[in-house]
Protein backbone atom coordinates (compact mmCIF):
# COMPACT_ATOMS: atom_id res chain seq x y z
CA MET A 1 -8.06 2.62 5.78
CA GLU A 2 -5.38 1.60 8.20
CA GLN A 3 -4.48 -2.06 8.49
CA VAL A 4 -3.83 -2.75 12.16
CA GLY A 5 -2.63 -6.34 12.27
CA GLY A 6 -3.40 -9.96 11.48
CA PHE A 7 -4.23 -13.20 13.07
CA GLN A 8 -3.00 -16.72 12.50
CA SER A 9 -6.61 -17.74 12.04
CA GLY A 10 -6.79 -16.15 8.60
CA PHE A 11 -8.08 -12.66 9.34
CA HIS A 12 -6.59 -9.21 9.48
CA ALA A 13 -7.98 -6.14 11.11
CA LYS A 14 -8.30 -2.71 9.53
CA LYS A 15 -9.53 0.61 10.89
CA VAL A 16 -11.93 2.52 8.62
CA LYS A 17 -14.31 5.46 8.83
CA ARG A 18 -17.80 4.49 10.11
CA GLU A 19 -19.23 5.43 6.71
CA ALA A 20 -17.18 2.57 5.17
CA ALA A 21 -19.02 -0.07 7.22
CA ARG A 22 -19.86 -3.09 5.07
CA TRP A 23 -22.71 -4.14 7.34
CA PRO A 24 -23.89 -0.94 9.09
CA GLN A 25 -27.14 -2.51 10.21
CA PHE A 26 -25.17 -5.08 12.22
CA LEU A 27 -22.37 -2.79 13.47
CA ILE A 28 -21.55 -3.39 17.10
CA CYS A 29 -21.47 0.23 18.31
CA ARG A 30 -23.89 2.39 20.28
CA HIS A 31 -21.36 5.16 20.97
CA ASP A 32 -21.41 7.16 17.71
CA CYS A 33 -17.70 6.30 17.08
CA GLN A 34 -16.37 7.75 13.85
CA GLU A 35 -13.95 4.88 13.19
CA ILE A 36 -14.56 1.15 13.29
CA ILE A 37 -12.54 -2.00 13.19
CA GLN A 38 -13.20 -4.55 10.48
CA LEU A 39 -12.02 -8.20 10.52
CA VAL A 40 -11.32 -9.27 6.95
CA SER A 41 -10.84 -12.83 5.74
CA HIS A 42 -7.50 -13.58 4.11
CA VAL A 43 -9.23 -16.21 1.96
CA SER A 44 -12.22 -14.29 0.62
CA GLY A 45 -11.14 -10.71 1.23
CA GLU A 46 -14.61 -10.08 2.60
CA VAL A 47 -15.44 -8.20 5.82
CA GLU A 48 -16.59 -10.82 8.29
CA PHE A 49 -17.03 -8.73 11.48
CA GLU A 50 -17.25 -5.05 12.41
CA LEU A 51 -17.16 -3.30 15.73
CA CYS A 52 -16.15 0.01 17.15
CA LYS A 53 -12.89 0.65 19.02
CA ILE A 54 -14.68 0.69 22.37
CA GLU A 55 -16.23 -2.69 21.76
CA ALA A 56 -12.97 -4.03 20.29
CA GLU A 57 -11.21 -3.15 23.54
CA ARG A 58 -13.92 -4.86 25.53
CA MET A 59 -13.61 -7.98 23.35
CA ALA A 60 -9.84 -7.91 23.79
CA ARG A 61 -10.19 -7.81 27.58
CA VAL A 62 -12.61 -10.77 27.52
CA LEU A 63 -10.23 -12.74 25.34
CA LEU A 64 -7.22 -11.92 27.51
CA GLU A 65 -9.18 -12.97 30.61
CA ALA A 66 -10.08 -16.25 28.94
CA VAL A 67 -6.46 -16.85 27.97
CA ASN A 68 -5.23 -16.14 31.47
CA GLU A 69 -7.82 -18.49 33.03
CA SER A 70 -6.86 -21.47 30.91
CA ASP A 71 -3.50 -23.26 31.31
CA SER A 72 -4.43 -26.30 29.25
CA CYS A 73 -3.31 -24.86 25.89
CA LEU A 74 0.24 -25.47 24.88
CA THR A 75 2.08 -22.61 23.27
CA SER A 76 4.69 -23.02 20.62
């Protein structure tokens, strides 16, 4: 397991082997990736979301595009 960061929203991400998937039947990956990213709740310690690195990169791009489109959010 490799912890790869956290979010102010109460989650941290960790990279694990595919075999360690908590919810393999719902895993967002159709690429046979050997490692996946898990988002883990700081409150419960439970895995809330799992996806492969390819899908994580796609999600990151979508989020960055959304951030760059919006100028109505104030940053502190």
